[in-house]
Amino acid sequence: MILTLFKIKSNQVLGKHRHTGGAVIGYNIQGTWRYEGRNWVATPGTFVFEPPGDIHTLITEDEEVLNLHTDESVGFLARLRTQAVSVLSSG
């Protein structure tokens, strides 16, 4: 299992995607975000569970930091790195 801490800039849309390495368990440390078409908002302290293969579009409001526990491969982290996303720690 890889533990990744990353930061996403404010007012961003991370296009529709899914995680293929199994379930994703996350904890929102800072900022506010949501999934398009879903009826909830993650705020600081929110625990997030994404079942395997869940398809979603992440939308940020304030700048945020997420701490994800995942069994994703390094390929996922390489795709995650964009101008909007910074991987702060992974291992």
Protein backbone atom coordinates (compact mmCIF):
# COMPACT_ATOMS: atom_id res chain seq x y z
CA MET A 1 0.00 0.00 0.00
CA ILE A 2 1.34 3.45 -0.94
CA LEU A 3 0.64 6.44 1.30
CA THR A 4 0.59 9.70 -0.68
CA LEU A 5 0.24 13.28 0.52
CA PHE A 6 -0.61 15.75 -2.20
CA LYS A 7 -1.83 19.31 -2.70
CA ILE A 8 -4.29 20.49 -5.34
CA LYS A 9 -4.58 24.17 -6.25
CA SER A 10 -7.85 26.04 -5.73
CA ASN A 11 -10.63 26.19 -8.34
CA GLN A 12 -9.45 23.13 -10.28
CA VAL A 13 -11.28 20.31 -12.04
CA LEU A 14 -9.44 17.00 -12.20
CA GLY A 15 -11.15 15.31 -15.13
CA LYS A 16 -13.16 12.12 -14.93
CA HIS A 17 -10.96 9.25 -13.77
CA ARG A 18 -10.91 6.03 -11.80
CA HIS A 19 -8.38 4.23 -9.65
CA THR A 20 -7.61 0.73 -10.88
CA GLY A 21 -5.45 -0.50 -8.00
CA GLY A 22 -8.26 -1.12 -5.53
CA ALA A 23 -10.14 0.97 -3.01
CA VAL A 24 -8.84 4.42 -2.09
CA ILE A 25 -9.02 5.61 1.50
CA GLY A 26 -8.40 9.30 2.10
CA TYR A 27 -8.42 12.00 4.73
CA ASN A 28 -8.91 15.68 3.88
CA ILE A 29 -6.52 17.84 5.89
CA GLN A 30 -7.16 21.29 4.44
CA GLY A 31 -9.57 22.97 2.01
CA THR A 32 -12.88 22.06 0.43
CA TRP A 33 -13.61 19.79 -2.53
CA ARG A 34 -16.33 17.61 -4.01
CA TYR A 35 -17.10 15.11 -6.74
CA GLU A 36 -19.17 16.35 -9.64
CA GLY A 37 -22.72 14.99 -9.49
CA ARG A 38 -22.44 13.80 -5.89
CA ASN A 39 -24.35 15.15 -2.95
CA TRP A 40 -21.50 15.78 -0.46
CA VAL A 41 -18.56 18.12 0.14
CA ALA A 42 -15.24 17.18 1.75
CA THR A 43 -14.09 19.68 4.36
CA PRO A 44 -11.11 19.45 6.75
CA GLY A 45 -11.41 16.24 8.75
CA THR A 46 -13.52 14.38 6.17
CA PHE A 47 -12.73 10.68 5.73
CA VAL A 48 -13.19 9.48 2.13
CA PHE A 49 -13.66 5.95 0.79
CA GLU A 50 -13.71 5.25 -2.96
CA PRO A 51 -14.65 1.69 -3.91
CA PRO A 52 -12.51 -0.06 -6.53
CA GLY A 53 -13.23 1.27 -10.04
CA ASP A 54 -15.27 4.27 -8.85
CA ILE A 55 -15.41 6.90 -11.62
CA HIS A 56 -15.41 10.52 -10.47
CA THR A 57 -14.47 14.12 -11.32
CA LEU A 58 -12.84 15.99 -8.43
CA ILE A 59 -13.54 19.74 -8.12
CA THR A 60 -11.70 21.96 -5.65
CA GLU A 61 -12.91 25.16 -4.05
CA ASP A 62 -10.19 26.26 -1.59
CA GLU A 63 -6.62 25.01 -1.80
CA GLU A 64 -6.46 21.56 -0.29
CA VAL A 65 -4.16 18.81 0.91
CA LEU A 66 -5.24 15.16 0.80
CA ASN A 67 -3.61 12.22 2.52
CA LEU A 68 -4.44 9.14 0.45
CA HIS A 69 -3.87 5.52 1.40
CA THR A 70 -3.85 3.51 -1.79
CA ASP A 71 -2.36 0.47 -3.41
CA GLU A 72 -1.99 2.35 -6.70
CA SER A 73 1.13 1.99 -8.80
CA VAL A 74 3.78 4.60 -9.43
CA GLY A 75 2.11 5.15 -12.83
CA PHE A 76 -0.88 6.67 -11.07
CA LEU A 77 1.36 9.17 -9.27
CA ALA A 78 3.07 10.11 -12.53
CA ARG A 79 -0.31 10.86 -14.14
CA LEU A 80 -1.40 12.79 -11.05
CA ARG A 81 1.44 15.32 -11.30
CA THR A 82 0.12 18.34 -13.23
CA GLN A 83 0.29 22.10 -12.83
CA ALA A 84 -2.71 21.81 -10.52
CA VAL A 85 -1.41 18.90 -8.40
CA SER A 86 1.78 18.59 -6.35
CA VAL A 87 2.78 15.26 -4.81
CA LEU A 88 4.34 16.25 -1.48
CA SER A 89 5.25 12.81 -0.19
CA SER A 90 4.77 9.22 -1.32
CA GLY A 91 5.95 5.88 -0.09
